[in-house]
Protein backbone atom coordinates (compact mmCIF):
# COMPACT_ATOMS: atom_id res chain seq x y z
CA MET A 1 26.24 35.31 -26.95
CA SER A 2 23.29 33.43 -27.88
CA ALA A 3 20.74 32.42 -25.38
CA THR A 4 21.66 28.69 -25.48
CA HIS A 5 25.17 29.45 -25.26
CA ALA A 6 24.49 31.67 -22.12
CA SER A 7 22.20 29.00 -20.58
CA ALA A 8 24.87 26.26 -21.25
CA MET A 9 27.47 28.52 -19.15
CA ALA A 10 25.03 28.97 -16.38
CA HIS A 11 24.36 25.43 -16.07
CA GLU A 12 27.69 23.49 -16.54
CA ARG A 13 27.78 20.29 -15.19
CA GLY A 14 30.13 18.92 -12.48
CA ILE A 15 29.67 18.24 -8.78
CA ALA A 16 32.38 20.66 -7.47
CA ARG A 17 30.75 23.63 -9.55
CA ASN A 18 27.06 22.75 -8.32
CA ARG A 19 28.20 21.91 -4.87
CA SER A 20 25.66 23.77 -3.11
CA GLN A 21 22.74 22.26 -5.23
CA PHE A 22 24.41 18.93 -5.01
CA LEU A 23 24.74 19.03 -1.06
CA LEU A 24 20.93 20.10 -0.73
CA GLN A 25 19.83 16.90 -2.94
CA THR A 26 22.14 14.81 -0.84
CA LEU A 27 20.17 16.23 2.37
CA GLN A 28 16.99 15.21 0.76
CA VAL A 29 17.86 11.79 -0.04
CA PHE A 30 19.24 11.50 3.63
CA PHE A 31 15.47 12.40 4.71
CA VAL A 32 14.10 10.12 2.25
CA GLY A 33 16.06 7.28 3.82
CA LEU A 34 14.95 8.42 7.11
CA VAL A 35 11.34 7.81 6.12
CA ILE A 36 11.53 4.25 4.66
CA GLY A 37 13.92 3.23 7.48
CA MET A 38 11.73 4.06 10.31
CA GLU A 39 9.67 1.19 9.38
CA ARG A 40 12.25 -1.53 8.76
CA ASN A 41 12.92 -2.90 12.21
CA VAL A 42 9.79 -1.82 14.24
CA LEU A 43 6.65 -2.70 12.24
CA PRO A 44 7.97 -6.44 11.29
CA ALA A 45 9.30 -7.29 14.69
CA MET A 46 6.40 -5.74 16.71
CA SER A 47 3.57 -6.65 13.83
CA GLN A 48 1.56 -8.63 16.57
CA ASP A 49 0.61 -5.32 18.29
CA PHE A 50 -1.03 -4.38 14.90
CA GLY A 51 -3.01 -7.68 14.84
CA VAL A 52 -0.62 -10.12 12.74
CA ALA A 53 -1.08 -13.67 13.82
CA LYS A 54 2.26 -15.45 14.68
CA GLY A 55 3.13 -17.52 11.53
CA ALA A 56 0.85 -15.13 9.04
CA PHE A 57 3.94 -14.64 7.06
CA PHE A 58 2.04 -13.78 3.81
CA PHE A 59 -0.43 -11.23 5.61
CA LEU A 60 2.88 -9.82 7.13
CA ALA A 61 4.59 -9.49 4.00
CA SER A 62 1.36 -7.77 2.29
CA PHE A 63 2.44 -4.25 3.48
CA VAL A 64 5.81 -4.64 1.40
CA ILE A 65 3.91 -6.00 -1.61
CA SER A 66 1.51 -2.97 -1.61
CA PHE A 67 4.72 -0.39 -1.14
CA GLY A 68 6.54 -2.50 -4.11
CA LEU A 69 3.79 -2.09 -6.47
CA VAL A 70 3.05 1.47 -6.11
CA LYS A 71 6.60 2.59 -5.89
CA GLY A 72 7.59 0.30 -9.17
CA ALA A 73 4.94 1.80 -11.15
CA LEU A 74 5.23 5.61 -9.85
CA ASN A 75 9.01 5.25 -10.58
CA PHE A 76 8.24 4.85 -14.22
CA VAL A 77 5.73 7.70 -14.03
CA ALA A 78 8.00 10.02 -11.98
CA GLY A 79 10.66 9.73 -14.88
CA GLY A 80 8.88 10.74 -17.58
CA LEU A 81 6.67 13.41 -15.49
CA SER A 82 10.03 15.01 -14.49
CA ASP A 83 11.04 15.18 -18.15
CA ARG A 84 7.84 17.23 -18.75
CA ILE A 85 7.34 19.33 -15.52
CA GLY A 86 10.53 19.57 -13.94
CA ARG A 87 12.30 17.58 -11.17
CA LYS A 88 11.46 19.69 -8.33
CA ARG A 89 7.77 19.78 -8.60
CA VAL A 90 7.58 15.84 -8.57
CA LEU A 91 9.92 16.02 -5.39
CA LEU A 92 7.32 18.18 -3.87
CA LEU A 93 4.43 15.91 -4.53
CA GLY A 94 6.46 12.96 -3.12
CA TRP A 95 7.07 14.95 0.27
CA ILE A 96 3.40 15.64 0.17
CA ALA A 97 2.35 11.91 -0.37
CA GLY A 98 4.51 11.46 2.71
CA ILE A 99 2.58 13.27 5.36
CA PRO A 100 -0.30 10.46 5.72
CA ILE A 101 2.28 7.76 6.57
CA PRO A 102 3.09 8.36 10.47
CA LEU A 103 -0.47 9.33 10.81
CA LEU A 104 -1.88 6.22 9.47
CA ILE A 105 0.68 3.89 11.51
CA PHE A 106 -0.17 5.71 14.74
CA PHE A 107 -3.92 5.37 14.31
CA ALA A 108 -3.87 1.93 12.80
CA PRO A 109 -6.55 -0.56 14.47
CA ASN A 110 -5.17 -3.38 12.38
CA TRP A 111 -2.59 -4.20 9.81
CA TRP A 112 -4.62 -3.18 6.59
CA TRP A 113 -3.98 0.31 7.99
CA ILE A 114 -0.12 -0.36 7.60
CA ILE A 115 -0.79 -1.81 4.22
CA ALA A 116 -2.58 1.67 3.27
CA ALA A 117 0.44 3.61 5.00
CA ASN A 118 2.83 1.87 2.71
CA VAL A 119 0.58 2.69 -0.30
CA PHE A 120 1.88 6.33 0.47
CA LEU A 121 5.06 5.37 1.39
CA GLY A 122 5.37 3.95 -2.32
CA ILE A 123 4.42 7.33 -3.67
CA ASN A 124 6.72 9.37 -1.50
CA GLN A 125 9.90 6.91 -2.10
CA ALA A 126 9.15 6.76 -5.86
CA PHE A 127 8.98 10.69 -6.20
CA THR A 128 11.47 11.68 -3.82
CA TRP A 129 14.09 9.10 -4.34
CA THR A 130 13.64 8.99 -7.99
CA MET A 131 14.12 12.77 -8.12
CA THR A 132 17.05 13.17 -5.89
CA VAL A 133 19.26 10.38 -7.64
CA THR A 134 17.97 11.67 -11.18
CA SER A 135 18.94 15.57 -9.96
CA GLN A 136 22.28 14.48 -8.92
CA ILE A 137 23.11 12.74 -12.17
CA ASP A 138 21.87 15.88 -14.09
CA LEU A 139 24.18 17.92 -11.94
CA ALA A 140 27.39 15.58 -12.30
CA ASP A 141 29.45 15.74 -15.49
CA ASN A 142 29.85 12.25 -17.54
CA HIS A 143 32.60 10.92 -15.61
CA GLN A 144 31.29 11.46 -12.14
CA ARG A 145 27.99 9.38 -12.59
CA GLY A 146 29.02 6.44 -10.50
CA LEU A 147 30.29 8.78 -7.83
CA ALA A 148 27.13 10.75 -7.97
CA VAL A 149 24.94 7.69 -7.59
CA GLY A 150 27.14 6.53 -4.90
CA ILE A 151 26.65 9.26 -2.62
CA ASN A 152 22.85 9.65 -3.13
CA GLU A 153 22.58 5.88 -2.30
CA ALA A 154 25.14 5.93 0.24
CA MET A 155 23.44 9.12 2.26
CA GLY A 156 20.12 7.33 1.68
CA TYR A 157 20.93 3.76 2.89
CA ILE A 158 22.93 5.38 5.85
CA ALA A 159 19.78 6.86 6.79
CA VAL A 160 17.75 3.77 6.48
CA GLY A 161 20.11 2.08 9.03
CA LEU A 162 20.23 4.96 11.38
CA ALA A 163 16.47 5.21 11.10
CA GLY A 164 15.96 1.41 11.71
CA LEU A 165 18.30 1.38 14.85
CA GLY A 166 17.01 4.82 16.29
CA THR A 167 13.37 3.81 16.00
CA GLY A 168 14.09 0.57 17.63
CA TYR A 169 15.47 2.41 20.73
CA LEU A 170 12.47 4.86 20.54
CA ALA A 171 9.97 2.01 20.25
CA VAL A 172 11.19 0.53 23.53
CA LEU A 173 10.79 3.92 25.19
CA TYR A 174 7.86 5.24 23.78
CA GLY A 175 5.93 2.25 21.97
CA PRO A 176 5.85 1.79 18.14
CA ARG A 177 3.22 4.15 17.47
CA TRP A 178 4.50 7.20 19.28
CA ALA A 179 7.99 6.53 17.97
CA LEU A 180 7.10 6.59 14.48
CA LEU A 181 4.34 9.29 14.71
CA GLY A 182 7.09 11.96 15.94
CA PHE A 183 10.08 10.81 14.22
CA GLY A 184 8.06 10.68 10.60
CA LEU A 185 6.29 14.11 10.97
CA ALA A 186 9.71 15.57 12.15
CA VAL A 187 11.52 14.30 9.10
CA ILE A 188 8.91 15.29 6.50
CA ALA A 189 8.72 18.64 7.85
CA LEU A 190 12.42 19.34 7.70
CA ALA A 191 12.68 18.22 4.12
CA LEU A 192 9.57 20.34 3.07
CA ILE A 193 11.60 23.36 4.60
CA LEU A 194 14.95 22.48 2.84
CA LEU A 195 13.01 22.22 -0.44
CA LEU A 196 12.75 26.03 -0.67
CA TRP A 197 16.32 26.21 -1.71
CA ILE A 198 16.50 23.82 -4.25
CA GLN A 199 16.55 24.46 -7.94
CA ASP A 200 15.16 22.55 -10.67
CA THR A 201 17.98 20.29 -12.52
CA ILE A 202 15.89 20.27 -15.66
CA HIS A 203 17.75 23.53 -16.77
CA TRP A 204 20.94 21.30 -16.69
CA VAL A 205 19.45 18.70 -18.86
CA HIS A 206 18.41 21.16 -21.45
CA ALA A 207 21.93 22.80 -21.44
CA GLU A 208 23.69 19.25 -21.85
CA HIS A 209 21.33 18.49 -24.75
CA ALA A 210 22.25 21.75 -26.40
CA GLN A 211 25.97 21.21 -25.96
CA ASN A 212 25.51 17.90 -27.37
CA GLN A 213 23.62 19.22 -30.44
CA GLN A 214 26.48 21.68 -30.99
CA ARG A 215 29.20 19.03 -30.93
CA ALA A 216 27.15 16.43 -33.17
CA GLU A 217 27.81 16.60 -36.74
CA THR A 218 23.91 16.11 -37.16
CA PRO A 219 22.11 17.56 -34.63
CA VAL A 220 19.83 14.95 -32.42
CA LEU A 221 16.46 15.48 -32.21
CA ALA A 222 14.35 15.29 -29.15
CA PRO A 223 13.02 11.51 -28.78
CA LYS A 224 9.95 10.83 -30.27
CA ALA A 225 9.25 7.41 -28.70
CA SER A 226 6.19 6.84 -26.95
CA ALA A 227 6.42 5.75 -23.04
CA TRP A 228 5.39 2.52 -23.94
CA ALA A 229 7.79 1.83 -26.60
CA THR A 230 10.80 2.93 -24.18
CA PHE A 231 9.41 0.58 -21.39
CA VAL A 232 9.43 -2.29 -23.70
CA ARG A 233 12.74 -1.73 -25.35
CA VAL A 234 14.22 -1.20 -21.91
CA SER A 235 12.44 -4.09 -20.10
CA PHE A 236 12.52 -6.66 -22.96
CA ARG A 237 14.24 -6.07 -26.14
CA ASP A 238 17.62 -4.49 -25.50
CA VAL A 239 20.04 -7.02 -23.97
CA THR A 240 21.91 -4.78 -21.80
CA TYR A 241 18.84 -2.81 -20.31
CA ARG A 242 17.14 -6.18 -19.85
CA ALA A 243 19.93 -7.62 -17.90
CA LEU A 244 20.47 -4.96 -15.61
CA CYS A 245 16.49 -4.40 -14.99
CA GLN A 246 16.73 -8.03 -13.85
CA GLY A 247 19.38 -7.42 -11.45
CA GLY A 248 17.55 -4.54 -10.15
CA VAL A 249 14.55 -7.00 -9.30
CA ALA A 250 16.88 -9.70 -7.87
CA ASN A 251 18.91 -7.27 -5.12
CA LYS A 252 15.24 -5.98 -3.95
CA VAL A 253 13.91 -9.26 -3.42
CA ALA A 254 17.03 -9.56 -1.16
CA ASP A 255 16.17 -6.33 0.39
CA THR A 256 12.78 -7.76 1.08
CA LEU A 257 13.89 -10.51 2.76
CA VAL A 258 15.83 -8.39 5.24
CA TRP A 259 12.95 -5.87 5.60
CA VAL A 260 10.07 -8.23 6.42
CA LEU A 261 11.53 -11.83 7.51
CA PHE A 262 14.81 -11.06 8.85
CA PRO A 263 13.21 -9.28 11.89
CA VAL A 264 10.91 -12.35 12.45
CA PHE A 265 13.74 -14.83 11.70
CA PHE A 266 15.98 -13.22 14.51
CA ARG A 267 12.89 -12.78 16.78
CA LEU A 268 12.11 -16.35 16.75
CA HIS A 269 15.92 -17.06 17.54
CA GLY A 270 15.25 -14.97 20.89
CA LEU A 271 16.90 -11.47 19.67
CA SER A 272 15.38 -8.19 20.98
CA VAL A 273 14.11 -5.75 18.97
CA VAL A 274 17.16 -3.56 19.56
CA ARG A 275 19.67 -6.40 18.77
CA ILE A 276 17.53 -6.93 15.28
CA GLY A 277 18.09 -3.16 14.70
CA TRP A 278 21.82 -3.37 15.09
CA ILE A 279 21.69 -6.48 12.62
CA THR A 280 19.61 -4.76 10.03
CA GLY A 281 21.47 -1.37 10.86
CA VAL A 282 24.66 -2.73 10.19
CA TYR A 283 23.64 -3.99 6.75
CA ALA A 284 21.95 -0.57 5.65
CA MET A 285 24.81 1.62 7.06
CA ILE A 286 27.53 -0.66 5.42
CA TRP A 287 25.66 -0.73 2.08
CA GLY A 288 25.39 3.19 2.52
CA LEU A 289 29.18 4.12 3.86
CA SER A 290 30.63 1.87 1.26
CA GLN A 291 28.88 3.39 -1.71
CA LEU A 292 31.11 6.59 -1.18
CA TRP A 293 33.81 4.98 -2.75
CA THR A 294 32.34 1.95 -4.90
CA GLY A 295 30.58 4.46 -7.29
CA HIS A 296 33.77 6.14 -7.85
CA LEU A 297 35.77 2.72 -7.77
CA ALA A 298 33.21 2.09 -10.95
CA ASP A 299 33.86 5.31 -12.60
CA ARG A 300 37.59 4.28 -12.80
CA ILE A 301 37.64 0.28 -13.35
CA GLY A 302 34.05 0.38 -14.94
CA ARG A 303 30.89 -0.85 -14.04
CA LYS A 304 30.76 -4.58 -14.54
CA PRO A 305 33.52 -6.01 -12.03
CA PRO A 306 31.79 -4.18 -9.03
CA VAL A 307 28.27 -5.16 -10.15
CA VAL A 308 29.12 -8.97 -10.22
CA LEU A 309 31.43 -8.77 -7.10
CA GLY A 310 28.46 -7.39 -5.21
CA PHE A 311 25.84 -10.04 -6.27
CA SER A 312 28.25 -12.70 -5.12
CA LEU A 313 29.16 -11.06 -1.75
CA LEU A 314 25.37 -10.63 -1.34
CA ALA A 315 24.79 -14.37 -2.10
CA ALA A 316 27.37 -15.17 0.20
CA GLY A 317 26.09 -13.14 3.00
CA LEU A 318 22.69 -14.55 2.84
CA ALA A 319 24.04 -18.23 3.00
CA GLY A 320 26.00 -17.36 5.80
CA THR A 321 23.07 -15.97 7.64
CA ALA A 322 21.07 -19.13 7.11
CA LEU A 323 24.15 -21.18 8.28
CA VAL A 324 25.16 -19.55 11.69
CA THR A 325 23.25 -19.22 14.80
CA HIS A 326 24.37 -16.31 17.17
CA PHE A 327 24.32 -12.47 17.21
CA GLY A 328 28.18 -11.67 16.39
CA ALA A 329 28.31 -14.11 13.44
CA TRP A 330 24.92 -12.31 11.83
CA ILE A 331 26.31 -9.04 12.37
CA ILE A 332 29.55 -10.13 10.21
CA THR A 333 26.94 -11.63 7.54
CA ALA A 334 24.90 -8.56 7.23
CA ALA A 335 28.05 -6.75 6.86
CA VAL A 336 28.88 -8.97 3.73
CA MET A 337 25.67 -8.37 2.52
CA GLY A 338 25.92 -4.61 2.85
CA LEU A 339 28.99 -4.51 1.03
CA GLY A 340 27.80 -6.63 -1.77
CA MET A 341 24.80 -4.33 -2.34
CA ALA A 342 27.24 -1.21 -2.05
CA LEU A 343 29.33 -2.54 -5.04
CA LEU A 344 26.23 -3.61 -7.18
CA TYR A 345 23.58 -1.06 -6.33
CA PRO A 346 24.80 2.20 -7.44
CA ASN A 347 26.51 0.65 -10.40
CA LEU A 348 23.35 -0.79 -11.82
CA ILE A 349 21.84 2.59 -12.15
CA ALA A 350 25.12 4.06 -13.27
CA ALA A 351 25.50 1.67 -16.13
CA MET A 352 21.95 2.38 -17.17
CA SER A 353 22.77 6.31 -17.06
CA ASP A 354 25.96 5.23 -19.17
CA VAL A 355 23.97 4.12 -22.05
CA ALA A 356 20.71 6.41 -21.62
CA PRO A 357 20.56 9.36 -24.04
CA PRO A 358 20.15 12.73 -21.89
CA LEU A 359 16.75 13.69 -22.84
CA GLU A 360 15.36 9.88 -22.53
CA ARG A 361 17.19 9.66 -19.12
CA GLY A 362 14.45 10.48 -16.92
CA ARG A 363 12.10 7.98 -18.68
CA ILE A 364 14.82 5.18 -18.97
CA LEU A 365 15.89 5.43 -15.31
CA GLY A 366 12.28 5.70 -14.48
CA THR A 367 11.79 2.14 -16.27
CA TYR A 368 14.78 0.96 -14.71
CA ARG A 369 13.66 1.67 -11.20
CA TYR A 370 9.89 0.46 -11.89
CA TRP A 371 11.46 -3.09 -12.28
CA ARG A 372 14.03 -2.54 -9.51
CA ASP A 373 11.38 -1.57 -7.15
CA THR A 374 8.60 -4.00 -8.38
CA GLY A 375 11.05 -6.27 -6.93
CA TYR A 376 9.71 -5.50 -3.62
CA ALA A 377 6.29 -6.53 -4.53
CA ILE A 378 7.57 -10.15 -6.24
CA GLY A 379 9.82 -10.58 -3.20
CA GLY A 380 7.33 -10.28 -0.80
CA LEU A 381 4.75 -12.44 -2.77
CA VAL A 382 7.10 -15.05 -3.48
CA LEU A 383 9.00 -15.21 -0.04
CA GLY A 384 5.69 -14.78 1.76
CA LEU A 385 4.16 -17.63 0.05
CA VAL A 386 7.38 -19.77 0.46
CA ALA A 387 7.47 -18.94 4.31
CA GLN A 388 3.58 -19.52 4.40
CA TRP A 389 3.92 -22.78 2.85
CA SER A 390 6.98 -24.24 4.81
CA ASP A 391 5.88 -22.33 8.23
CA GLU A 392 9.28 -20.94 8.78
CA VAL A 393 11.69 -18.58 7.42
CA LEU A 394 14.89 -20.45 6.70
CA PRO A 395 13.66 -21.64 3.18
CA THR A 396 13.20 -18.12 2.08
CA ILE A 397 16.88 -17.25 2.95
CA TRP A 398 18.32 -20.05 0.74
CA LEU A 399 16.01 -19.28 -2.10
CA THR A 400 17.11 -15.68 -1.72
CA ALA A 401 20.52 -16.61 -2.01
CA ALA A 402 20.01 -18.49 -5.23
CA ILE A 403 18.09 -15.99 -7.00
CA VAL A 404 20.69 -13.44 -6.32
CA ALA A 405 23.57 -15.66 -7.48
CA LEU A 406 21.89 -16.44 -10.75
CA SER A 407 21.00 -13.00 -11.13
CA GLY A 408 24.92 -12.21 -11.15
CA LEU A 409 25.65 -14.72 -13.43
CA TRP A 410 23.18 -13.19 -16.03
CA ILE A 411 24.79 -10.03 -15.88
CA ALA A 412 28.16 -11.60 -16.12
CA LEU A 413 27.29 -12.98 -19.30
CA ALA A 414 25.02 -10.88 -21.08
CA VAL A 415 26.24 -7.41 -20.15
CA LYS A 416 29.12 -5.48 -21.80
CA GLU A 417 31.16 -3.03 -20.08
CA THR A 418 29.14 0.39 -20.33
CA HIS A 419 31.97 2.51 -18.78
CA PRO A 420 35.33 1.30 -19.83
CA ARG A 421 38.22 2.62 -18.29
CA PRO A 422 40.01 5.56 -19.87
CA GLY A 423 43.12 5.02 -22.02
């Protein structure tokens, strides 16, 4: 038996046959979601405790702009870096970068420290979340990619919702600084301990490439395109990649609205931090839980129908939030938005995976995630300026609904199905 064949046998793909490693990566992404989720309710709703003046919407949004710029750029770096040094080392770097986040928040004398904390949050999320989803795609078989991404994003966003709700209660009991310090340090410590049992999935990538070489009549050489050439092709030249990338930007603009301005919007309507936590928590948890079936659904019926329906529901939920005026109705619109996100979110990245060659997967997914998470910076900039100019949040909700609707239309018109139903 050749060494190549032995490696392929030892690193066969499939979620069931790699269940222990797949589960460890799932736990990792749960911790990743807890870290970003701990900020999403408490900091915007209680931003005046950190020196943000009432109505300073753009300054408030600046902490998400810093996060989005760093996370977007490093998503691209993480993909190519992990192809060279392995997934596990990049994951470790991400967790080390997370350690300053709760410390900076705890000692923050002003909002600039929160902006600095979110630079580290961008590094943490770029390296850790990119590596968990890439690793789970590496472990899954071709027909399981939607399921793998769905599980990854489900656990991550369930954690986001739980953390936003949980830290809301903790902030009421102990204050925002102590709540985020204790919560953040505990999560990062657990994640680093768990990392001891994780294997590097780059070995599965090499085995997959070797199998593809054996099946092909003409062996496929390793990609020679530079990182910049790949970035330009994925971002601008390829019709499918380009449409999927803009869809990633649009859904993060919507998530920026929820993260930064929804807490302010609901606070202005007299809701408590805990009630705001329930609204944003329902959004994130429906988003997360529903991805347990939406990714697998797309493995059976194709990526495009769930993606287009998801954008439609997200736009409808945003419009509904602008039209209704009480807590119960906002819970319903948040659930509609969460379901829309669940349909579109995992299947955008699964569609990218469908058309990405194995040895370029890290770099191509990194490019997609660059644009998707730069959507936070674009959203923070655009929505912060609109809110500052109009001196209210409502126009930003309508603007986001329009952006999301047009993005879904772009995909409906430009993207061919990347995963046709079998038969």
